[in-house]
Amino acid sequence: MKKQIIESIKGGIGRKAAYWTVTAFLAFSIALSGIGQLMRYGGNVDLVTNIGFPLYVTNILGVWKLLGVIAIVMPGFPRLKEWAYSGIFFLMTGAALSHVFANDYGDYGFHVILPLVYAALGIASWALRPKSRKL
């Protein structure tokens, strides 16, 4: 009986640690991306204009990303979290597909692979979230 209790505590701690590790990495990455788009820093201008989108899209995407990160990391609001996770998934898969359809794969497929990695991190964070963050 003692062994089962210890294992369940370890499992809960391990799952919680995995959730926060994945979520922190996702939040940090998406927040940096959103800030970069709002500031039109680095290659963000080229990433958007090379696939035929107008430059003002960086403002929309940057704000959406930052709002999604805030929703995911703040406590409470489980319904808002569900929307934020789905928004990040659609945003990232849409980015990957936009680059594919525009034949803008980047070096070694970077423009497609990176957003898909972020989408996968979003799915992992959603799947690992603790009960208090579920709807």
C-alpha atoms as a PDB file:
ATOM      1  CA  MET A   1       0.000   0.000   0.000  1.00  0.00           C
ATOM      2  CA  LYS A   2       2.822   2.403   0.892  1.00  0.00           C
ATOM      3  CA  LYS A   3       4.562   1.631  -2.380  1.00  0.00           C
ATOM      4  CA  GLN A   4       1.408   2.430  -4.382  1.00  0.00           C
ATOM      5  CA  ILE A   5       0.988   5.772  -2.629  1.00  0.00           C
ATOM      6  CA  ILE A   6       4.612   6.723  -3.257  1.00  0.00           C
ATOM      7  CA  GLU A   7       4.349   5.724  -6.929  1.00  0.00           C
ATOM      8  CA  SER A   8       1.148   7.737  -7.392  1.00  0.00           C
ATOM      9  CA  ILE A   9       2.784  10.789  -5.811  1.00  0.00           C
ATOM     10  CA  LYS A  10       5.837  10.409  -8.040  1.00  0.00           C
ATOM     11  CA  GLY A  11       3.617   9.973 -11.103  1.00  0.00           C
ATOM     12  CA  GLY A  12       1.691  13.136 -10.251  1.00  0.00           C
ATOM     13  CA  ILE A  13       4.873  15.108  -9.648  1.00  0.00           C
ATOM     14  CA  GLY A  14       6.448  13.776 -12.834  1.00  0.00           C
ATOM     15  CA  ARG A  15       3.367  14.660 -14.878  1.00  0.00           C
ATOM     16  CA  LYS A  16       3.210  18.117 -13.327  1.00  0.00           C
ATOM     17  CA  ALA A  17       6.904  18.698 -14.026  1.00  0.00           C
ATOM     18  CA  ALA A  18       6.442  17.532 -17.623  1.00  0.00           C
ATOM     19  CA  TYR A  19       3.430  19.834 -18.022  1.00  0.00           C
ATOM     20  CA  TRP A  20       5.262  22.892 -16.722  1.00  0.00           C
ATOM     21  CA  THR A  21       8.427  22.122 -18.710  1.00  0.00           C
ATOM     22  CA  VAL A  22       6.526  21.763 -21.981  1.00  0.00           C
ATOM     23  CA  THR A  23       4.229  24.698 -21.218  1.00  0.00           C
ATOM     24  CA  ALA A  24       7.096  26.999 -20.216  1.00  0.00           C
ATOM     25  CA  PHE A  25       8.997  26.182 -23.406  1.00  0.00           C
ATOM     26  CA  LEU A  26       5.865  26.663 -25.516  1.00  0.00           C
ATOM     27  CA  ALA A  27       4.923  29.927 -23.791  1.00  0.00           C
ATOM     28  CA  PHE A  28       8.448  31.336 -24.032  1.00  0.00           C
ATOM     29  CA  SER A  29       8.777  30.419 -27.712  1.00  0.00           C
ATOM     30  CA  ILE A  30       5.360  31.705 -28.736  1.00  0.00           C
ATOM     31  CA  ALA A  31       5.793  34.908 -26.697  1.00  0.00           C
ATOM     32  CA  LEU A  32       9.160  35.634 -28.325  1.00  0.00           C
ATOM     33  CA  SER A  33       7.641  34.999 -31.728  1.00  0.00           C
ATOM     34  CA  GLY A  34       4.710  37.305 -30.972  1.00  0.00           C
ATOM     35  CA  ILE A  35       6.970  40.083 -29.705  1.00  0.00           C
ATOM     36  CA  GLY A  36       9.194  39.684 -32.764  1.00  0.00           C
ATOM     37  CA  GLN A  37       6.177  40.016 -35.034  1.00  0.00           C
ATOM     38  CA  LEU A  38       4.848  43.080 -33.227  1.00  0.00           C
ATOM     39  CA  MET A  39       8.260  44.723 -33.406  1.00  0.00           C
ATOM     40  CA  ARG A  40       8.791  43.406 -36.956  1.00  0.00           C
ATOM     41  CA  TYR A  41      12.151  42.210 -35.757  1.00  0.00           C
ATOM     42  CA  GLY A  42      14.556  39.978 -37.640  1.00  0.00           C
ATOM     43  CA  GLY A  43      13.120  37.930 -40.455  1.00  0.00           C
ATOM     44  CA  ASN A  44       9.494  38.374 -39.422  1.00  0.00           C
ATOM     45  CA  VAL A  45       8.809  40.831 -42.242  1.00  0.00           C
ATOM     46  CA  ASP A  46      10.265  38.496 -44.863  1.00  0.00           C
ATOM     47  CA  LEU A  47       8.471  35.457 -43.432  1.00  0.00           C
ATOM     48  CA  VAL A  48       5.114  37.146 -43.932  1.00  0.00           C
ATOM     49  CA  THR A  49       5.672  39.055 -47.169  1.00  0.00           C
ATOM     50  CA  ASN A  50       7.454  36.172 -48.957  1.00  0.00           C
ATOM     51  CA  ILE A  51       4.282  34.102 -48.786  1.00  0.00           C
ATOM     52  CA  GLY A  52       2.103  36.952 -50.025  1.00  0.00           C
ATOM     53  CA  PHE A  53       0.546  38.194 -46.780  1.00  0.00           C
ATOM     54  CA  PRO A  54       0.299  41.930 -46.109  1.00  0.00           C
ATOM     55  CA  LEU A  55       2.606  43.298 -43.440  1.00  0.00           C
ATOM     56  CA  TYR A  56      -0.220  44.238 -41.060  1.00  0.00           C
ATOM     57  CA  VAL A  57      -0.744  40.504 -40.448  1.00  0.00           C
ATOM     58  CA  THR A  58       2.273  40.640 -38.117  1.00  0.00           C
ATOM     59  CA  ASN A  59       0.292  42.883 -35.759  1.00  0.00           C
ATOM     60  CA  ILE A  60      -2.667  40.502 -35.680  1.00  0.00           C
ATOM     61  CA  LEU A  61      -0.547  37.382 -35.211  1.00  0.00           C
ATOM     62  CA  GLY A  62       1.673  39.018 -32.589  1.00  0.00           C
ATOM     63  CA  VAL A  63      -1.291  40.085 -30.462  1.00  0.00           C
ATOM     64  CA  TRP A  64      -3.004  36.693 -30.811  1.00  0.00           C
ATOM     65  CA  LYS A  65       0.160  34.880 -29.757  1.00  0.00           C
ATOM     66  CA  LEU A  66       0.697  37.020 -26.670  1.00  0.00           C
ATOM     67  CA  LEU A  67      -2.948  36.720 -25.613  1.00  0.00           C
ATOM     68  CA  GLY A  68      -2.784  32.936 -26.096  1.00  0.00           C
ATOM     69  CA  VAL A  69       0.332  32.667 -23.938  1.00  0.00           C
ATOM     70  CA  ILE A  70      -1.264  34.739 -21.181  1.00  0.00           C
ATOM     71  CA  ALA A  71      -4.387  32.559 -21.263  1.00  0.00           C
ATOM     72  CA  ILE A  72      -2.398  29.340 -21.042  1.00  0.00           C
ATOM     73  CA  VAL A  73      -0.101  30.289 -18.171  1.00  0.00           C
ATOM     74  CA  MET A  74      -2.480  32.224 -15.928  1.00  0.00           C
ATOM     75  CA  PRO A  75      -4.446  30.268 -13.324  1.00  0.00           C
ATOM     76  CA  GLY A  76      -8.158  29.650 -13.718  1.00  0.00           C
ATOM     77  CA  PHE A  77     -10.314  30.235 -16.787  1.00  0.00           C
ATOM     78  CA  PRO A  78     -10.348  26.645 -18.125  1.00  0.00           C
ATOM     79  CA  ARG A  79     -12.653  27.468 -21.056  1.00  0.00           C
ATOM     80  CA  LEU A  80     -10.367  30.291 -22.152  1.00  0.00           C
ATOM     81  CA  LYS A  81      -7.425  27.870 -21.960  1.00  0.00           C
ATOM     82  CA  GLU A  82      -9.235  25.454 -24.293  1.00  0.00           C
ATOM     83  CA  TRP A  83      -9.715  28.272 -26.796  1.00  0.00           C
ATOM     84  CA  ALA A  84      -6.100  29.378 -26.452  1.00  0.00           C
ATOM     85  CA  TYR A  85      -4.767  25.855 -27.049  1.00  0.00           C
ATOM     86  CA  SER A  86      -6.944  25.420 -30.119  1.00  0.00           C
ATOM     87  CA  GLY A  87      -5.939  28.876 -31.338  1.00  0.00           C
ATOM     88  CA  ILE A  88      -2.248  28.070 -31.038  1.00  0.00           C
ATOM     89  CA  PHE A  89      -2.805  24.768 -32.845  1.00  0.00           C
ATOM     90  CA  PHE A  90      -4.654  26.426 -35.747  1.00  0.00           C
ATOM     91  CA  LEU A  91      -2.196  29.323 -35.858  1.00  0.00           C
ATOM     92  CA  MET A  92       0.837  27.037 -36.067  1.00  0.00           C
ATOM     93  CA  THR A  93      -0.615  24.495 -38.499  1.00  0.00           C
ATOM     94  CA  GLY A  94      -1.902  27.396 -40.606  1.00  0.00           C
ATOM     95  CA  ALA A  95       1.586  28.899 -40.659  1.00  0.00           C
ATOM     96  CA  ALA A  96       3.126  25.599 -41.762  1.00  0.00           C
ATOM     97  CA  LEU A  97       0.532  25.101 -44.489  1.00  0.00           C
ATOM     98  CA  SER A  98       0.859  28.712 -45.682  1.00  0.00           C
ATOM     99  CA  HIS A  99       4.580  28.180 -46.196  1.00  0.00           C
ATOM    100  CA  VAL A 100       3.977  24.867 -47.972  1.00  0.00           C
ATOM    101  CA  PHE A 101       1.378  26.347 -50.346  1.00  0.00           C
ATOM    102  CA  ALA A 102       3.696  29.286 -51.094  1.00  0.00           C
ATOM    103  CA  ASN A 103       6.645  26.898 -51.712  1.00  0.00           C
ATOM    104  CA  ASP A 104       8.573  28.711 -48.981  1.00  0.00           C
ATOM    105  CA  TYR A 105      10.064  25.842 -47.014  1.00  0.00           C
ATOM    106  CA  GLY A 106      13.130  27.666 -45.707  1.00  0.00           C
ATOM    107  CA  ASP A 107      16.459  25.956 -45.113  1.00  0.00           C
ATOM    108  CA  TYR A 108      15.873  22.239 -44.486  1.00  0.00           C
ATOM    109  CA  GLY A 109      12.116  22.837 -44.201  1.00  0.00           C
ATOM    110  CA  PHE A 110      12.536  25.116 -41.177  1.00  0.00           C
ATOM    111  CA  HIS A 111       9.510  27.304 -42.052  1.00  0.00           C
ATOM    112  CA  VAL A 112       7.310  24.214 -41.976  1.00  0.00           C
ATOM    113  CA  ILE A 113       8.923  22.118 -39.255  1.00  0.00           C
ATOM    114  CA  LEU A 114       9.182  24.809 -36.560  1.00  0.00           C
ATOM    115  CA  PRO A 115       5.468  25.724 -36.507  1.00  0.00           C
ATOM    116  CA  LEU A 116       4.579  22.015 -36.476  1.00  0.00           C
ATOM    117  CA  VAL A 117       6.886  21.521 -33.480  1.00  0.00           C
ATOM    118  CA  TYR A 118       5.069  24.360 -31.708  1.00  0.00           C
ATOM    119  CA  ALA A 119       1.719  22.767 -32.585  1.00  0.00           C
ATOM    120  CA  ALA A 120       2.957  19.468 -31.124  1.00  0.00           C
ATOM    121  CA  LEU A 121       4.138  21.247 -27.969  1.00  0.00           C
ATOM    122  CA  GLY A 122       0.706  22.809 -27.683  1.00  0.00           C
ATOM    123  CA  ILE A 123      -0.927  19.384 -27.936  1.00  0.00           C
ATOM    124  CA  ALA A 124       1.490  17.985 -25.329  1.00  0.00           C
ATOM    125  CA  SER A 125       0.834  20.874 -22.946  1.00  0.00           C
ATOM    126  CA  TRP A 126      -2.918  20.463 -23.401  1.00  0.00           C
ATOM    127  CA  ALA A 127      -2.733  16.691 -22.809  1.00  0.00           C
ATOM    128  CA  LEU A 128      -0.526  17.017 -19.707  1.00  0.00           C
ATOM    129  CA  ARG A 129      -2.420  19.869 -18.041  1.00  0.00           C
ATOM    130  CA  PRO A 130      -3.499  19.259 -14.448  1.00  0.00           C
ATOM    131  CA  LYS A 131      -7.117  18.749 -13.485  1.00  0.00           C
ATOM    132  CA  SER A 132      -7.364  22.321 -12.169  1.00  0.00           C
ATOM    133  CA  ARG A 133      -6.700  23.594 -15.711  1.00  0.00           C
ATOM    134  CA  LYS A 134      -9.275  21.366 -17.405  1.00  0.00           C
ATOM    135  CA  LEU A 135     -12.793  22.257 -18.349  1.00  0.00           C
END
